[in-house]
Amino acid sequence: MGNLRIVSVIACSCVLATGCASAPISIAGSALPVSLAQTQTQLSLRGASNRLQSIFEERGWIRAANSMQQTTRNWMARLTGQRDQADEAEAPGAPPYLAHTNFSTMDSAVAVARLMTDLDEAQDLVRDVDLAAARLVSRDEDVSRTSLTRDLELVERALAQSREALVTFDLAIATVSVQLDEDGLDRLQAHRSELARQSEYLRDRADELAEIRRALPAEAAG
């Protein structure tokens, strides 16, 4: 019964991941220039998004090659109001996290503790991006359409990476599930659900930023 539930969760997770990890924008880490016109709120968002990418890559929850180009179709779909098209993409490849951590031979108690710790760390990083984006959405700041476009890119990138990480964690949970009783599996799923919920909050924030951007007047050329 537990294994059947795991298979179902992985299937759903892969759908979610492909729904966000659309074809990517070329904004790797610090590639975006820091504009003098950026507000402190925008700079906080940039820092949170870059920190998420750096740690997610370092931990192996996402593949670095994918992280450098995460979200072009998703981003463009939001900008043009075609949200449904933001749910089409290819699934990410095998994550380094599983290659470097032998969950199949790890003691079950150690594996559960490791996964819960990692899930919580990932959730905290996603929450930081969400909170920074929420502050930007709620504040009445004079921002340019161009700078807000960069902000949306950063949120979309973090969203794509959070969903890729969810697929990674689901595969890890599936690996250790054969060793776990119902209680251990439920504890892991509770932590996993919190990360998934935080990822969906980030999707809401991306939608809100896209709406704000669409409402801004186009900037004059030259």
C-alpha atoms as a PDB file:
ATOM      1  CA  MET A   1       0.000   0.000   0.000  1.00  0.00           C
ATOM      2  CA  GLY A   2       2.802   2.387   0.942  1.00  0.00           C
ATOM      3  CA  ASN A   3       4.696   1.682  -2.278  1.00  0.00           C
ATOM      4  CA  LEU A   4       1.571   2.285  -4.373  1.00  0.00           C
ATOM      5  CA  ARG A   5       1.154   5.652  -2.701  1.00  0.00           C
ATOM      6  CA  ILE A   6       4.796   6.520  -3.418  1.00  0.00           C
ATOM      7  CA  VAL A   7       4.379   5.674  -7.114  1.00  0.00           C
ATOM      8  CA  SER A   8       1.316   7.929  -7.275  1.00  0.00           C
ATOM      9  CA  VAL A   9       3.153  10.783  -5.585  1.00  0.00           C
ATOM     10  CA  ILE A  10       6.099  10.502  -7.982  1.00  0.00           C
ATOM     11  CA  ALA A  11       3.764  10.549 -10.971  1.00  0.00           C
ATOM     12  CA  CYS A  12       2.050  13.695  -9.686  1.00  0.00           C
ATOM     13  CA  SER A  13       5.377  15.277  -8.847  1.00  0.00           C
ATOM     14  CA  CYS A  14       6.718  14.687 -12.348  1.00  0.00           C
ATOM     15  CA  VAL A  15       3.629  16.379 -13.789  1.00  0.00           C
ATOM     16  CA  LEU A  16       4.177  19.359 -11.493  1.00  0.00           C
ATOM     17  CA  ALA A  17       7.849  19.554 -12.327  1.00  0.00           C
ATOM     18  CA  THR A  18       7.220  19.496 -16.045  1.00  0.00           C
ATOM     19  CA  GLY A  19       4.532  22.084 -15.526  1.00  0.00           C
ATOM     20  CA  CYS A  20       7.040  24.529 -14.272  1.00  0.00           C
ATOM     21  CA  ALA A  21      10.416  23.575 -15.634  1.00  0.00           C
ATOM     22  CA  SER A  22       9.567  24.886 -19.039  1.00  0.00           C
ATOM     23  CA  ALA A  23      12.240  25.793 -21.471  1.00  0.00           C
ATOM     24  CA  PRO A  24      14.630  28.040 -19.664  1.00  0.00           C
ATOM     25  CA  ILE A  25      15.777  31.595 -19.500  1.00  0.00           C
ATOM     26  CA  SER A  26      19.508  32.267 -19.589  1.00  0.00           C
ATOM     27  CA  ILE A  27      19.908  33.742 -16.122  1.00  0.00           C
ATOM     28  CA  ALA A  28      22.503  31.722 -14.307  1.00  0.00           C
ATOM     29  CA  GLY A  29      23.300  32.878 -10.824  1.00  0.00           C
ATOM     30  CA  SER A  30      24.703  36.377 -11.017  1.00  0.00           C
ATOM     31  CA  ALA A  31      24.200  36.808 -14.765  1.00  0.00           C
ATOM     32  CA  LEU A  32      21.623  39.550 -14.314  1.00  0.00           C
ATOM     33  CA  PRO A  33      23.132  43.032 -13.954  1.00  0.00           C
ATOM     34  CA  VAL A  34      22.240  44.906 -10.796  1.00  0.00           C
ATOM     35  CA  SER A  35      20.513  48.028 -12.043  1.00  0.00           C
ATOM     36  CA  LEU A  36      20.881  51.274 -10.142  1.00  0.00           C
ATOM     37  CA  ALA A  37      17.105  51.581 -10.505  1.00  0.00           C
ATOM     38  CA  GLN A  38      16.482  48.436  -8.466  1.00  0.00           C
ATOM     39  CA  THR A  39      14.910  48.919  -5.058  1.00  0.00           C
ATOM     40  CA  GLN A  40      16.113  47.219  -1.897  1.00  0.00           C
ATOM     41  CA  THR A  41      13.092  44.918  -2.132  1.00  0.00           C
ATOM     42  CA  GLN A  42      14.164  43.833  -5.603  1.00  0.00           C
ATOM     43  CA  LEU A  43      17.731  43.299  -4.464  1.00  0.00           C
ATOM     44  CA  SER A  44      16.467  41.109  -1.616  1.00  0.00           C
ATOM     45  CA  LEU A  45      14.549  38.992  -4.120  1.00  0.00           C
ATOM     46  CA  ARG A  46      17.635  38.663  -6.291  1.00  0.00           C
ATOM     47  CA  GLY A  47      19.715  37.550  -3.308  1.00  0.00           C
ATOM     48  CA  ALA A  48      17.150  34.980  -2.162  1.00  0.00           C
ATOM     49  CA  SER A  49      16.756  33.520  -5.650  1.00  0.00           C
ATOM     50  CA  ASN A  50      20.497  33.271  -6.249  1.00  0.00           C
ATOM     51  CA  ARG A  51      21.020  31.715  -2.820  1.00  0.00           C
ATOM     52  CA  LEU A  52      18.366  29.101  -3.557  1.00  0.00           C
ATOM     53  CA  GLN A  53      19.999  28.182  -6.857  1.00  0.00           C
ATOM     54  CA  SER A  54      23.470  27.983  -5.338  1.00  0.00           C
ATOM     55  CA  ILE A  55      22.454  25.701  -2.466  1.00  0.00           C
ATOM     56  CA  PHE A  56      20.101  23.545  -4.541  1.00  0.00           C
ATOM     57  CA  GLU A  57      22.949  22.895  -6.984  1.00  0.00           C
ATOM     58  CA  GLU A  58      25.472  22.320  -4.204  1.00  0.00           C
ATOM     59  CA  ARG A  59      23.197  19.772  -2.519  1.00  0.00           C
ATOM     60  CA  GLY A  60      22.496  18.038  -5.821  1.00  0.00           C
ATOM     61  CA  TRP A  61      18.734  18.531  -5.632  1.00  0.00           C
ATOM     62  CA  ILE A  62      18.818  20.019  -9.129  1.00  0.00           C
ATOM     63  CA  ARG A  63      21.181  19.663 -12.036  1.00  0.00           C
ATOM     64  CA  ALA A  64      23.393  22.691 -12.601  1.00  0.00           C
ATOM     65  CA  ALA A  65      23.051  22.493 -16.383  1.00  0.00           C
ATOM     66  CA  ASN A  66      19.278  22.798 -16.103  1.00  0.00           C
ATOM     67  CA  SER A  67      19.510  25.579 -13.551  1.00  0.00           C
ATOM     68  CA  MET A  68      21.292  27.903 -15.952  1.00  0.00           C
ATOM     69  CA  GLN A  69      18.340  27.824 -18.338  1.00  0.00           C
ATOM     70  CA  GLN A  70      15.148  27.017 -16.502  1.00  0.00           C
ATOM     71  CA  THR A  71      12.082  28.850 -17.619  1.00  0.00           C
ATOM     72  CA  THR A  72      11.745  30.632 -20.958  1.00  0.00           C
ATOM     73  CA  ARG A  73       8.450  29.080 -22.130  1.00  0.00           C
ATOM     74  CA  ASN A  74       6.964  29.327 -18.651  1.00  0.00           C
ATOM     75  CA  TRP A  75       8.077  32.928 -18.275  1.00  0.00           C
ATOM     76  CA  MET A  76       6.874  33.996 -21.721  1.00  0.00           C
ATOM     77  CA  ALA A  77       3.547  32.231 -21.203  1.00  0.00           C
ATOM     78  CA  ARG A  78       2.941  34.236 -18.046  1.00  0.00           C
ATOM     79  CA  LEU A  79       3.916  37.499 -19.684  1.00  0.00           C
ATOM     80  CA  THR A  80       1.380  36.906 -22.451  1.00  0.00           C
ATOM     81  CA  GLY A  81      -1.324  35.634 -20.113  1.00  0.00           C
ATOM     82  CA  GLN A  82      -1.169  32.045 -21.403  1.00  0.00           C
ATOM     83  CA  ARG A  83      -0.787  30.315 -18.051  1.00  0.00           C
ATOM     84  CA  ASP A  84      -1.884  26.909 -19.362  1.00  0.00           C
ATOM     85  CA  GLN A  85       1.077  26.852 -21.711  1.00  0.00           C
ATOM     86  CA  ALA A  86       3.342  27.295 -18.696  1.00  0.00           C
ATOM     87  CA  ASP A  87       2.439  23.719 -17.778  1.00  0.00           C
ATOM     88  CA  GLU A  88       4.230  22.049 -20.690  1.00  0.00           C
ATOM     89  CA  ALA A  89       7.869  20.965 -20.453  1.00  0.00           C
ATOM     90  CA  GLU A  90      10.274  18.077 -20.423  1.00  0.00           C
ATOM     91  CA  ALA A  91      11.066  16.272 -17.184  1.00  0.00           C
ATOM     92  CA  PRO A  92      14.524  16.907 -15.697  1.00  0.00           C
ATOM     93  CA  GLY A  93      17.209  14.246 -15.794  1.00  0.00           C
ATOM     94  CA  ALA A  94      18.585  12.149 -12.941  1.00  0.00           C
ATOM     95  CA  PRO A  95      19.628  14.362 -10.015  1.00  0.00           C
ATOM     96  CA  PRO A  96      23.138  14.243  -8.492  1.00  0.00           C
ATOM     97  CA  TYR A  97      21.578  13.925  -5.013  1.00  0.00           C
ATOM     98  CA  LEU A  98      20.579  10.321  -5.711  1.00  0.00           C
ATOM     99  CA  ALA A  99      23.866   9.508  -7.397  1.00  0.00           C
ATOM    100  CA  HIS A 100      25.876  10.740  -4.411  1.00  0.00           C
ATOM    101  CA  THR A 101      23.656   9.400  -1.614  1.00  0.00           C
ATOM    102  CA  ASN A 102      23.073   5.661  -1.446  1.00  0.00           C
ATOM    103  CA  PHE A 103      19.652   5.676   0.186  1.00  0.00           C
ATOM    104  CA  SER A 104      19.036   2.033  -0.732  1.00  0.00           C
ATOM    105  CA  THR A 105      21.736   0.802   1.670  1.00  0.00           C
ATOM    106  CA  MET A 106      21.455   3.541   4.286  1.00  0.00           C
ATOM    107  CA  ASP A 107      19.989   2.743   7.699  1.00  0.00           C
ATOM    108  CA  SER A 108      16.301   3.669   7.558  1.00  0.00           C
ATOM    109  CA  ALA A 109      16.438   5.975  10.593  1.00  0.00           C
ATOM    110  CA  VAL A 110      19.454   7.792   9.161  1.00  0.00           C
ATOM    111  CA  ALA A 111      17.778   8.070   5.761  1.00  0.00           C
ATOM    112  CA  VAL A 112      14.593   9.525   7.242  1.00  0.00           C
ATOM    113  CA  ALA A 113      16.538  12.048   9.322  1.00  0.00           C
ATOM    114  CA  ARG A 114      18.630  13.069   6.309  1.00  0.00           C
ATOM    115  CA  LEU A 115      15.620  13.507   4.062  1.00  0.00           C
ATOM    116  CA  MET A 116      13.622  15.480   6.615  1.00  0.00           C
ATOM    117  CA  THR A 117      16.560  17.816   7.213  1.00  0.00           C
ATOM    118  CA  ASP A 118      17.073  18.364   3.493  1.00  0.00           C
ATOM    119  CA  LEU A 119      13.362  18.866   2.821  1.00  0.00           C
ATOM    120  CA  ASP A 120      13.197  21.477   5.562  1.00  0.00           C
ATOM    121  CA  GLU A 121      16.258  23.299   4.238  1.00  0.00           C
ATOM    122  CA  ALA A 122      14.802  23.355   0.736  1.00  0.00           C
ATOM    123  CA  GLN A 123      11.497  24.626   2.080  1.00  0.00           C
ATOM    124  CA  ASP A 124      13.210  27.467   3.955  1.00  0.00           C
ATOM    125  CA  LEU A 125      15.036  28.583   0.815  1.00  0.00           C
ATOM    126  CA  VAL A 126      11.855  28.549  -1.266  1.00  0.00           C
ATOM    127  CA  ARG A 127      10.040  30.455   1.464  1.00  0.00           C
ATOM    128  CA  ASP A 128      12.731  33.139   1.438  1.00  0.00           C
ATOM    129  CA  VAL A 129      12.148  33.740  -2.270  1.00  0.00           C
ATOM    130  CA  ASP A 130       8.390  33.736  -1.780  1.00  0.00           C
ATOM    131  CA  LEU A 131       8.552  36.268   1.054  1.00  0.00           C
ATOM    132  CA  ALA A 132      10.840  38.557  -0.937  1.00  0.00           C
ATOM    133  CA  ALA A 133       8.503  38.341  -3.935  1.00  0.00           C
ATOM    134  CA  ALA A 134       5.461  38.943  -1.728  1.00  0.00           C
ATOM    135  CA  ARG A 135       7.034  42.122  -0.365  1.00  0.00           C
ATOM    136  CA  LEU A 136       7.600  43.315  -3.915  1.00  0.00           C
ATOM    137  CA  VAL A 137       3.988  42.557  -4.840  1.00  0.00           C
ATOM    138  CA  SER A 138       2.557  44.345  -1.809  1.00  0.00           C
ATOM    139  CA  ARG A 139       4.704  47.484  -1.861  1.00  0.00           C
ATOM    140  CA  ASP A 140       3.774  50.530  -3.882  1.00  0.00           C
ATOM    141  CA  GLU A 141       7.215  51.115  -5.356  1.00  0.00           C
ATOM    142  CA  ASP A 142       8.160  52.919  -8.527  1.00  0.00           C
ATOM    143  CA  VAL A 143       9.731  50.117 -10.551  1.00  0.00           C
ATOM    144  CA  SER A 144      10.335  49.942 -14.270  1.00  0.00           C
ATOM    145  CA  ARG A 145       8.807  47.351 -16.554  1.00  0.00           C
ATOM    146  CA  THR A 146      12.311  46.154 -17.411  1.00  0.00           C
ATOM    147  CA  SER A 147      13.375  45.655 -13.806  1.00  0.00           C
ATOM    148  CA  LEU A 148      10.094  43.913 -12.975  1.00  0.00           C
ATOM    149  CA  THR A 149      10.709  41.572 -15.899  1.00  0.00           C
ATOM    150  CA  ARG A 150      14.004  40.587 -14.251  1.00  0.00           C
ATOM    151  CA  ASP A 151      12.166  40.010 -10.981  1.00  0.00           C
ATOM    152  CA  LEU A 152       9.699  37.711 -12.703  1.00  0.00           C
ATOM    153  CA  GLU A 153      12.564  35.776 -14.284  1.00  0.00           C
ATOM    154  CA  LEU A 154      14.077  35.204 -10.842  1.00  0.00           C
ATOM    155  CA  VAL A 155      10.813  33.967  -9.342  1.00  0.00           C
ATOM    156  CA  GLU A 156      10.140  31.686 -12.316  1.00  0.00           C
ATOM    157  CA  ARG A 157      13.631  30.253 -12.032  1.00  0.00           C
ATOM    158  CA  ALA A 158      13.177  29.520  -8.323  1.00  0.00           C
ATOM    159  CA  LEU A 159       9.772  27.993  -9.026  1.00  0.00           C
ATOM    160  CA  ALA A 160      11.208  25.674 -11.666  1.00  0.00           C
ATOM    161  CA  GLN A 161      14.037  24.657  -9.358  1.00  0.00           C
ATOM    162  CA  SER A 162      11.716  23.990  -6.416  1.00  0.00           C
ATOM    163  CA  ARG A 163       9.672  21.616  -8.540  1.00  0.00           C
ATOM    164  CA  GLU A 164      12.731  19.887  -9.896  1.00  0.00           C
ATOM    165  CA  ALA A 165      13.847  19.381  -6.294  1.00  0.00           C
ATOM    166  CA  LEU A 166      10.445  17.889  -5.450  1.00  0.00           C
ATOM    167  CA  VAL A 167      10.958  15.235  -8.114  1.00  0.00           C
ATOM    168  CA  THR A 168      14.390  14.514  -6.655  1.00  0.00           C
ATOM    169  CA  PHE A 169      12.989  14.101  -3.151  1.00  0.00           C
ATOM    170  CA  ASP A 170      10.133  11.918  -4.379  1.00  0.00           C
ATOM    171  CA  LEU A 171      12.620   9.558  -5.998  1.00  0.00           C
ATOM    172  CA  ALA A 172      14.640   9.460  -2.782  1.00  0.00           C
ATOM    173  CA  ILE A 173      11.522   8.773  -0.703  1.00  0.00           C
ATOM    174  CA  ALA A 174      10.531   5.992  -3.079  1.00  0.00           C
ATOM    175  CA  THR A 175      13.971   4.443  -2.639  1.00  0.00           C
ATOM    176  CA  VAL A 176      13.790   4.359   1.160  1.00  0.00           C
ATOM    177  CA  SER A 177      10.069   3.577   1.403  1.00  0.00           C
ATOM    178  CA  VAL A 178      10.627  -0.182   1.200  1.00  0.00           C
ATOM    179  CA  GLN A 179      12.488   0.006   4.510  1.00  0.00           C
ATOM    180  CA  LEU A 180       9.966   2.215   6.313  1.00  0.00           C
ATOM    181  CA  ASP A 181       6.883   1.550   8.374  1.00  0.00           C
ATOM    182  CA  GLU A 182       3.740   3.633   7.899  1.00  0.00           C
ATOM    183  CA  ASP A 183       4.760   6.160  10.538  1.00  0.00           C
ATOM    184  CA  GLY A 184       8.171   6.826   8.994  1.00  0.00           C
ATOM    185  CA  LEU A 185       6.662   7.234   5.553  1.00  0.00           C
ATOM    186  CA  ASP A 186       3.971   9.581   6.851  1.00  0.00           C
ATOM    187  CA  ARG A 187       6.587  11.784   8.499  1.00  0.00           C
ATOM    188  CA  LEU A 188       8.529  12.080   5.272  1.00  0.00           C
ATOM    189  CA  GLN A 189       5.405  12.840   3.277  1.00  0.00           C
ATOM    190  CA  ALA A 190       4.436  15.579   5.735  1.00  0.00           C
ATOM    191  CA  HIS A 191       7.768  17.343   5.199  1.00  0.00           C
ATOM    192  CA  ARG A 192       7.527  16.810   1.464  1.00  0.00           C
ATOM    193  CA  SER A 193       4.008  18.298   1.426  1.00  0.00           C
ATOM    194  CA  GLU A 194       5.264  21.444   3.119  1.00  0.00           C
ATOM    195  CA  LEU A 195       7.862  21.938   0.395  1.00  0.00           C
ATOM    196  CA  ALA A 196       5.224  21.356  -2.293  1.00  0.00           C
ATOM    197  CA  ARG A 197       2.906  23.879  -0.646  1.00  0.00           C
ATOM    198  CA  GLN A 198       5.661  26.480  -0.504  1.00  0.00           C
ATOM    199  CA  SER A 199       6.391  25.878  -4.173  1.00  0.00           C
ATOM    200  CA  GLU A 200       2.755  26.572  -5.040  1.00  0.00           C
ATOM    201  CA  TYR A 201       2.888  29.821  -3.081  1.00  0.00           C
ATOM    202  CA  LEU A 202       5.795  30.785  -5.304  1.00  0.00           C
ATOM    203  CA  ARG A 203       3.715  30.029  -8.377  1.00  0.00           C
ATOM    204  CA  ASP A 204       1.036  32.400  -7.076  1.00  0.00           C
ATOM    205  CA  ARG A 205       3.684  35.075  -6.622  1.00  0.00           C
ATOM    206  CA  ALA A 206       4.867  34.617 -10.207  1.00  0.00           C
ATOM    207  CA  ASP A 207       1.297  35.062 -11.430  1.00  0.00           C
ATOM    208  CA  GLU A 208       0.911  38.236  -9.374  1.00  0.00           C
ATOM    209  CA  LEU A 209       4.152  39.721 -10.668  1.00  0.00           C
ATOM    210  CA  ALA A 210       3.150  38.895 -14.237  1.00  0.00           C
ATOM    211  CA  GLU A 211      -0.154  40.726 -13.717  1.00  0.00           C
ATOM    212  CA  ILE A 212       1.616  43.777 -12.317  1.00  0.00           C
ATOM    213  CA  ARG A 213       4.067  43.788 -15.199  1.00  0.00           C
ATOM    214  CA  ARG A 214       1.295  43.592 -17.787  1.00  0.00           C
ATOM    215  CA  ALA A 215      -0.353  46.624 -16.191  1.00  0.00           C
ATOM    216  CA  LEU A 216       2.787  48.761 -16.469  1.00  0.00           C
ATOM    217  CA  PRO A 217       3.105  51.050 -19.489  1.00  0.00           C
ATOM    218  CA  ALA A 218       5.629  50.076 -22.126  1.00  0.00           C
ATOM    219  CA  GLU A 219       8.907  51.962 -21.846  1.00  0.00           C
ATOM    220  CA  ALA A 220       9.840  54.356 -24.600  1.00  0.00           C
ATOM    221  CA  ALA A 221      12.563  53.159 -26.948  1.00  0.00           C
ATOM    222  CA  GLY A 222      15.909  54.894 -26.749  1.00  0.00           C
END
